[in-house]
Amino acid sequence: MLGDHRIAVVIPAYMAGDTLTSVIGGIPTFVDRIVVVDDGSPDATAQAAAAAGDSRVEYVKRERTGGVGAAMATGFAHVLTKSADVVVKMDADGQMDPELLPDLLAPIIEQGLDYSKGNRFYDLSALKRMPLTRRLGNVALSFLTKMASGYWNVYDPQNGYVAIRRDVLERLDLNSLDRGFFFENSMLVQLNVMQARVAEVPIPAVYGNERSSMNLARICCVFPWKLVCVGIRRVRLKYFGMDFSPIAVLITVGGLLLLGGTGYGAYEWVRHALAGVPTPAGAVMLAALPVMLGVQFLLNALLMDISQTPPGLGIRKLAGRNRESTVRPEEEEPRRGGEGR
């Protein structure tokens, strides 16, 4: 236990026979339960889990490979049948330093937040060691994820080193979580609808000689479309379904004005082009005015959505903190160090 919290770590494992044993061996002793979810691996992942010789390990086998999201849904469901207060996701490839686990848990245990995740972009020296393709992919998708998830204060949405409180996990719809690498993004969307408080902690990733199974070209093609879909779903649930807020009015009116003005302008342009005459200035103005108003309404809705970001803990408040204060906060006030990004 860490303080009075029982900690469970879920490790989604696929083809992790070479790294899983060392990952389990590095997990701190305060962790009560280690759930290894074998996502249908054809290699020696099962033997690697057994070779760790750790009595805390609970091995769960998926008969068919489903992806990291599917493995995590299985692991979450398993943990919810056991005793655990906080659940952590840690990958099996050794890129997540288990010694930094107390820092990841601090916002939940000390500040009472709902969800905590790592941020690899705070440490510039560690960022330089990140493979270029991963850096480009994360930067390209970060802004779209902010819009889709509604967490405008989250900078590294692809980071999979996360921790979540049990009562928040129980409210998640595990069946609707993405089954692949989009898992973290889809979970952020659900958390935003629930108004969960999120913190980011500066935790650099550890990159060795392993090869990533993520295809950058495929992700850049698939992820934007998925982000648009989950973003629309979040807005529909949060502002139209659970509560009809002023943001819903702005989106509805702004969308109608934008579509109406664009449609009318296109109609007038085609009609006059077929007639071989210029489009009258009056028609252009009648089309432009609702378009401009529609864009203004949608921008106001965007600004209001940004203001609705659930309160969390800024990454700068945890930078330079004393690790020992995570375990015994009553003995030492956490220090604030470092400047903002």
Protein backbone atom coordinates (compact mmCIF):
# COMPACT_ATOMS: atom_id res chain seq x y z
CA MET A 1 0.00 0.00 0.00
CA LEU A 2 0.99 3.62 -0.51
CA GLY A 3 -0.36 5.52 2.45
CA ASP A 4 -3.79 3.98 2.93
CA HIS A 5 -4.30 3.30 -0.80
CA ARG A 6 -4.10 -0.16 -2.35
CA ILE A 7 -2.31 0.05 -5.69
CA ALA A 8 -2.81 -2.24 -8.68
CA VAL A 9 -0.70 -2.17 -11.86
CA VAL A 10 -2.12 -3.48 -15.14
CA ILE A 11 0.44 -4.46 -17.78
CA PRO A 12 -0.90 -5.09 -21.31
CA ALA A 13 1.59 -7.50 -22.85
CA TYR A 14 2.01 -8.60 -26.45
CA MET A 15 5.22 -10.26 -27.64
CA ALA A 16 6.85 -9.07 -24.40
CA GLY A 17 8.83 -12.18 -23.55
CA ASP A 18 12.16 -10.32 -23.63
CA THR A 19 11.20 -7.39 -21.36
CA LEU A 20 8.28 -8.42 -19.14
CA THR A 21 10.34 -10.14 -16.43
CA SER A 22 12.53 -7.07 -15.85
CA VAL A 23 9.50 -4.75 -15.89
CA ILE A 24 7.78 -6.78 -13.17
CA GLY A 25 11.01 -6.95 -11.18
CA GLY A 26 11.26 -3.15 -11.10
CA ILE A 27 7.76 -2.48 -9.78
CA PRO A 28 7.97 -1.03 -6.23
CA THR A 29 7.00 -3.12 -3.22
CA PHE A 30 4.16 -0.81 -2.24
CA VAL A 31 2.18 -2.09 -5.26
CA ASP A 32 -0.29 -4.71 -4.01
CA ARG A 33 -1.36 -6.34 -7.27
CA ILE A 34 0.23 -6.77 -10.72
CA VAL A 35 -2.15 -7.88 -13.46
CA VAL A 36 -0.43 -9.07 -16.64
CA VAL A 37 -2.83 -9.25 -19.57
CA ASP A 38 -1.39 -11.44 -22.32
CA ASP A 39 -3.00 -10.18 -25.51
CA GLY A 40 -2.80 -13.49 -27.35
CA SER A 41 1.00 -13.45 -27.63
CA PRO A 42 2.54 -16.32 -29.64
CA ASP A 43 5.91 -15.94 -27.85
CA ALA A 44 7.03 -16.71 -24.29
CA THR A 45 5.13 -13.87 -22.59
CA ALA A 46 3.42 -16.32 -20.21
CA GLN A 47 6.77 -17.87 -19.23
CA ALA A 48 8.26 -14.40 -18.69
CA ALA A 49 5.43 -13.51 -16.29
CA ALA A 50 6.03 -16.72 -14.34
CA ALA A 51 9.81 -16.25 -14.38
CA ALA A 52 9.45 -13.00 -12.45
CA GLY A 53 8.68 -15.10 -9.37
CA ASP A 54 6.50 -12.36 -7.89
CA SER A 55 3.53 -13.49 -5.79
CA ARG A 56 1.69 -10.28 -6.67
CA VAL A 57 1.41 -11.24 -10.35
CA GLU A 58 -1.99 -12.29 -11.68
CA TYR A 59 -1.79 -13.62 -15.24
CA VAL A 60 -4.79 -13.09 -17.53
CA LYS A 61 -4.75 -14.64 -21.01
CA ARG A 62 -6.71 -13.29 -23.96
CA GLU A 63 -7.26 -15.98 -26.55
CA ARG A 64 -7.32 -13.53 -29.44
CA THR A 65 -5.15 -10.46 -30.01
CA GLY A 66 -7.27 -7.35 -29.71
CA GLY A 67 -4.85 -4.46 -29.24
CA VAL A 68 -3.63 -2.48 -26.25
CA GLY A 69 -7.07 -0.99 -25.59
CA ALA A 70 -8.71 -4.39 -25.58
CA ALA A 71 -6.05 -5.72 -23.22
CA MET A 72 -6.54 -2.77 -20.87
CA ALA A 73 -10.32 -3.19 -20.88
CA THR A 74 -9.77 -6.82 -19.87
CA GLY A 75 -7.29 -5.77 -17.19
CA PHE A 76 -9.57 -3.05 -15.83
CA ALA A 77 -12.50 -5.45 -15.64
CA HIS A 78 -10.32 -7.96 -13.79
CA VAL A 79 -9.08 -5.38 -11.27
CA LEU A 80 -12.61 -4.18 -10.55
CA THR A 81 -13.38 -7.64 -9.17
CA LYS A 82 -10.45 -7.33 -6.75
CA SER A 83 -9.42 -4.95 -3.99
CA ALA A 84 -7.66 -1.86 -5.34
CA ASP A 85 -8.07 1.89 -4.75
CA VAL A 86 -5.86 3.17 -7.59
CA VAL A 87 -5.14 1.40 -10.89
CA VAL A 88 -2.02 2.13 -12.95
CA LYS A 89 -1.31 1.26 -16.58
CA MET A 90 2.32 0.36 -17.26
CA ASP A 91 3.53 -0.98 -20.60
CA ALA A 92 5.53 -4.18 -20.89
CA ASP A 93 8.30 -2.75 -23.08
CA GLY A 94 10.28 -1.13 -20.25
CA GLN A 95 9.76 2.46 -21.45
CA MET A 96 7.96 3.52 -18.26
CA ASP A 97 10.27 3.97 -15.28
CA PRO A 98 8.67 2.21 -12.28
CA GLU A 99 10.76 4.33 -9.90
CA LEU A 100 8.67 7.33 -10.94
CA LEU A 101 5.44 5.60 -9.95
CA PRO A 102 5.19 7.59 -6.66
CA ASP A 103 5.26 10.83 -8.67
CA LEU A 104 2.48 9.57 -10.93
CA LEU A 105 0.36 8.60 -7.92
CA ALA A 106 0.96 11.82 -5.96
CA PRO A 107 -1.83 13.91 -7.56
CA ILE A 108 -4.38 11.18 -6.77
CA ILE A 109 -3.17 10.28 -3.28
CA GLU A 110 -2.08 13.71 -2.05
CA GLN A 111 -4.31 16.12 -4.00
CA GLY A 112 -7.33 13.84 -4.41
CA LEU A 113 -7.49 14.14 -8.21
CA ASP A 114 -9.18 11.53 -10.39
CA TYR A 115 -6.65 10.73 -13.12
CA SER A 116 -2.94 11.23 -13.49
CA LYS A 117 -0.76 10.78 -16.57
CA GLY A 118 2.83 11.22 -17.60
CA ASN A 119 4.16 14.01 -19.78
CA ARG A 120 7.29 13.27 -21.82
CA PHE A 121 7.67 16.79 -23.22
CA TYR A 122 8.63 18.58 -20.02
CA ASP A 123 12.20 17.25 -19.90
CA LEU A 124 13.98 18.65 -22.97
CA SER A 125 16.96 16.31 -22.65
CA ALA A 126 14.65 13.28 -22.55
CA LEU A 127 12.64 14.73 -25.42
CA LYS A 128 15.75 14.81 -27.60
CA ARG A 129 16.20 11.08 -27.00
CA MET A 130 12.67 10.34 -28.19
CA PRO A 131 12.65 8.95 -31.75
CA LEU A 132 11.86 11.67 -34.27
CA THR A 133 8.86 9.85 -35.73
CA ARG A 134 7.25 9.60 -32.29
CA ARG A 135 7.95 13.25 -31.58
CA LEU A 136 6.37 14.36 -34.85
CA GLY A 137 3.37 12.11 -34.36
CA ASN A 138 2.70 13.36 -30.84
CA VAL A 139 3.07 17.02 -31.76
CA ALA A 140 0.81 16.63 -34.81
CA LEU A 141 -1.99 15.01 -32.81
CA SER A 142 -1.80 16.97 -29.54
CA PHE A 143 -3.91 19.94 -30.66
CA LEU A 144 -6.59 17.77 -32.22
CA THR A 145 -6.76 15.72 -29.04
CA LYS A 146 -7.18 18.88 -26.96
CA MET A 147 -10.20 19.82 -29.08
CA ALA A 148 -11.66 16.32 -29.07
CA SER A 149 -11.16 15.55 -25.39
CA GLY A 150 -11.86 19.00 -23.96
CA TYR A 151 -8.72 18.83 -21.82
CA TRP A 152 -6.95 21.92 -23.08
CA ASN A 153 -4.42 21.70 -20.24
CA VAL A 154 -3.18 18.24 -21.33
CA TYR A 155 -0.14 18.36 -23.58
CA ASP A 156 0.94 14.73 -24.04
CA PRO A 157 -2.30 12.83 -24.74
CA GLN A 158 -0.51 9.82 -26.24
CA ASN A 159 1.37 9.07 -23.02
CA GLY A 160 0.22 5.69 -21.72
CA TYR A 161 1.70 5.91 -18.22
CA VAL A 162 -1.53 6.66 -16.38
CA ALA A 163 -3.23 6.13 -13.02
CA ILE A 164 -6.93 6.31 -12.20
CA ARG A 165 -9.01 6.13 -9.04
CA ARG A 166 -11.19 3.07 -8.68
CA ASP A 167 -14.46 4.97 -8.26
CA VAL A 168 -13.76 6.86 -11.50
CA LEU A 169 -12.80 3.66 -13.30
CA GLU A 170 -16.09 2.07 -12.23
CA ARG A 171 -17.99 4.83 -14.05
CA LEU A 172 -16.15 4.33 -17.35
CA ASP A 173 -17.85 2.45 -20.16
CA LEU A 174 -15.10 -0.07 -20.84
CA ASN A 175 -16.90 -1.47 -23.89
CA SER A 176 -16.76 1.87 -25.70
CA LEU A 177 -13.03 2.41 -25.17
CA ASP A 178 -10.94 2.14 -28.33
CA ARG A 179 -9.30 -1.26 -28.73
CA GLY A 180 -6.06 -0.02 -30.27
CA PHE A 181 -3.48 2.74 -29.72
CA PHE A 182 -6.30 5.30 -29.57
CA PHE A 183 -7.15 3.90 -26.13
CA GLU A 184 -5.75 6.81 -24.05
CA ASN A 185 -7.48 9.40 -26.23
CA SER A 186 -10.88 7.73 -26.03
CA MET A 187 -10.54 7.43 -22.25
CA LEU A 188 -9.78 11.16 -21.96
CA VAL A 189 -13.00 11.92 -23.82
CA GLN A 190 -15.05 9.86 -21.36
CA LEU A 191 -13.27 11.43 -18.41
CA ASN A 192 -14.09 14.92 -19.68
CA VAL A 193 -17.80 14.11 -19.93
CA MET A 194 -17.55 12.91 -16.32
CA GLN A 195 -15.78 16.17 -15.35
CA ALA A 196 -12.85 14.15 -13.99
CA ARG A 197 -9.91 16.17 -12.66
CA VAL A 198 -6.69 15.34 -14.52
CA ALA A 199 -3.05 16.00 -13.70
CA GLU A 200 0.06 15.67 -15.85
CA VAL A 201 3.34 14.68 -14.22
CA PRO A 202 6.77 15.17 -15.84
CA ILE A 203 7.87 11.58 -16.49
CA PRO A 204 10.39 11.00 -19.31
CA ALA A 205 10.08 7.80 -21.30
CA VAL A 206 12.95 5.35 -21.55
CA TYR A 207 13.81 4.35 -25.12
CA GLY A 208 16.11 1.43 -25.84
CA ASN A 209 16.60 -0.69 -28.95
CA GLU A 210 13.02 -1.91 -29.10
CA ARG A 211 10.96 -1.22 -32.20
CA SER A 212 7.60 0.42 -31.89
CA SER A 213 4.60 -1.36 -33.40
CA MET A 214 2.97 2.00 -34.07
CA ASN A 215 2.84 2.93 -37.76
CA LEU A 216 3.20 6.71 -38.00
CA ALA A 217 1.63 7.00 -41.46
CA ARG A 218 -1.36 4.87 -40.44
CA ILE A 219 -1.84 6.79 -37.20
CA CYS A 220 -1.72 10.17 -38.95
CA CYS A 221 -4.44 8.95 -41.33
CA VAL A 222 -6.69 7.19 -38.80
CA PHE A 223 -6.30 9.23 -35.62
CA PRO A 224 -7.62 12.58 -36.96
CA TRP A 225 -10.83 10.92 -38.15
CA LYS A 226 -11.24 9.12 -34.84
CA LEU A 227 -10.61 12.36 -32.95
CA VAL A 228 -13.32 14.11 -34.97
CA CYS A 229 -15.78 11.31 -34.18
CA VAL A 230 -15.08 11.18 -30.44
CA GLY A 231 -15.00 14.98 -30.28
CA ILE A 232 -18.48 15.21 -31.80
CA ARG A 233 -19.66 12.51 -29.39
CA ARG A 234 -18.22 14.41 -26.41
CA VAL A 235 -19.90 17.67 -27.41
CA ARG A 236 -23.20 15.89 -28.05
CA LEU A 237 -23.18 14.14 -24.68
CA LYS A 238 -21.80 17.00 -22.61
CA TYR A 239 -23.62 20.00 -24.06
CA PHE A 240 -26.73 18.52 -25.71
CA GLY A 241 -27.47 15.30 -23.83
CA MET A 242 -26.52 15.80 -20.18
CA ASP A 243 -27.24 19.54 -20.25
CA PHE A 244 -28.45 21.94 -22.94
CA SER A 245 -25.94 24.72 -22.29
CA PRO A 246 -25.26 28.06 -24.04
CA ILE A 247 -22.47 26.24 -25.90
CA ALA A 248 -25.12 24.06 -27.54
CA VAL A 249 -26.99 27.19 -28.67
CA LEU A 250 -23.84 28.74 -30.11
CA ILE A 251 -22.91 25.54 -31.94
CA THR A 252 -26.43 25.05 -33.33
CA VAL A 253 -26.94 28.64 -34.50
CA GLY A 254 -23.35 29.00 -35.70
CA GLY A 255 -23.47 25.75 -37.64
CA LEU A 256 -26.76 26.67 -39.33
CA LEU A 257 -25.48 30.13 -40.29
CA LEU A 258 -22.22 28.73 -41.65
CA LEU A 259 -23.91 25.99 -43.68
CA GLY A 260 -26.69 28.30 -44.87
CA GLY A 261 -24.33 31.06 -45.97
CA THR A 262 -21.97 28.62 -47.68
CA GLY A 263 -24.83 26.86 -49.44
CA TYR A 264 -26.45 30.09 -50.60
CA GLY A 265 -23.12 31.48 -51.82
CA ALA A 266 -22.37 28.31 -53.79
CA TYR A 267 -25.83 28.34 -55.35
CA GLU A 268 -25.55 31.99 -56.45
CA TRP A 269 -22.04 31.47 -57.83
CA VAL A 270 -23.08 28.44 -59.89
CA ARG A 271 -26.29 30.11 -61.10
CA HIS A 272 -24.54 33.22 -62.32
CA ALA A 273 -21.58 31.30 -63.74
CA LEU A 274 -23.94 29.23 -65.89
CA ALA A 275 -25.57 32.44 -67.05
CA GLY A 276 -22.18 33.88 -67.95
CA VAL A 277 -22.52 36.93 -65.69
CA PRO A 278 -20.64 38.01 -62.53
CA THR A 279 -22.23 37.27 -59.18
CA PRO A 280 -23.80 40.52 -57.87
CA ALA A 281 -22.15 42.16 -54.88
CA GLY A 282 -25.43 41.99 -52.98
CA ALA A 283 -25.56 38.19 -53.32
CA VAL A 284 -21.94 37.93 -52.21
CA MET A 285 -22.69 40.00 -49.11
CA LEU A 286 -25.82 37.98 -48.33
CA ALA A 287 -23.69 34.83 -48.41
CA ALA A 288 -20.69 36.27 -46.56
CA LEU A 289 -22.62 37.77 -43.63
CA PRO A 290 -24.07 34.51 -42.23
CA VAL A 291 -20.73 32.77 -42.84
CA MET A 292 -18.89 35.38 -40.78
CA LEU A 293 -21.53 35.30 -38.04
CA GLY A 294 -21.47 31.50 -38.01
CA VAL A 295 -17.68 31.43 -37.64
CA GLN A 296 -17.92 33.98 -34.81
CA PHE A 297 -20.55 31.90 -33.00
CA LEU A 298 -18.44 28.74 -33.33
CA LEU A 299 -15.32 30.53 -32.08
CA ASN A 300 -17.25 31.73 -29.05
CA ALA A 301 -18.40 28.15 -28.44
CA LEU A 302 -14.77 27.02 -28.65
CA LEU A 303 -13.68 29.64 -26.10
CA MET A 304 -16.49 28.62 -23.76
CA ASP A 305 -15.49 24.96 -24.14
CA ILE A 306 -11.91 25.87 -23.19
CA SER A 307 -13.22 27.64 -20.08
CA GLN A 308 -15.14 24.45 -19.18
CA THR A 309 -11.92 22.39 -18.87
CA PRO A 310 -12.21 20.46 -15.58
CA PRO A 311 -9.82 21.82 -12.94
CA GLY A 312 -6.71 19.74 -12.57
CA LEU A 313 -3.13 20.05 -11.37
CA GLY A 314 -0.72 21.87 -13.66
CA ILE A 315 2.47 20.09 -14.55
CA ARG A 316 4.54 23.02 -13.30
CA LYS A 317 3.25 22.55 -9.74
CA LEU A 318 4.83 19.10 -9.57
CA ALA A 319 8.13 19.87 -11.26
CA GLY A 320 11.06 19.60 -8.90
CA ARG A 321 8.95 18.08 -6.11
CA ASN A 322 10.55 16.00 -3.39
CA ARG A 323 9.84 12.30 -4.03
CA GLU A 324 9.64 11.57 -0.28
CA SER A 325 6.72 13.94 0.13
CA THR A 326 4.61 11.50 -1.91
CA VAL A 327 4.75 8.94 0.87
CA ARG A 328 4.73 11.22 3.89
CA PRO A 329 3.15 14.55 2.84
CA GLU A 330 2.52 15.59 6.43
CA GLU A 331 6.26 15.85 7.12
CA GLU A 332 7.32 18.08 4.30
CA GLU A 333 5.63 20.67 2.11
CA PRO A 334 6.16 19.79 -1.58
CA ARG A 335 8.53 22.27 -3.20
CA ARG A 336 7.63 24.14 -6.33
CA GLY A 337 10.44 24.46 -8.77
CA GLY A 338 11.09 25.04 -12.44
CA GLU A 339 9.52 27.45 -14.84
CA GLY A 340 6.52 26.91 -17.07
CA ARG A 341 6.71 25.64 -20.61
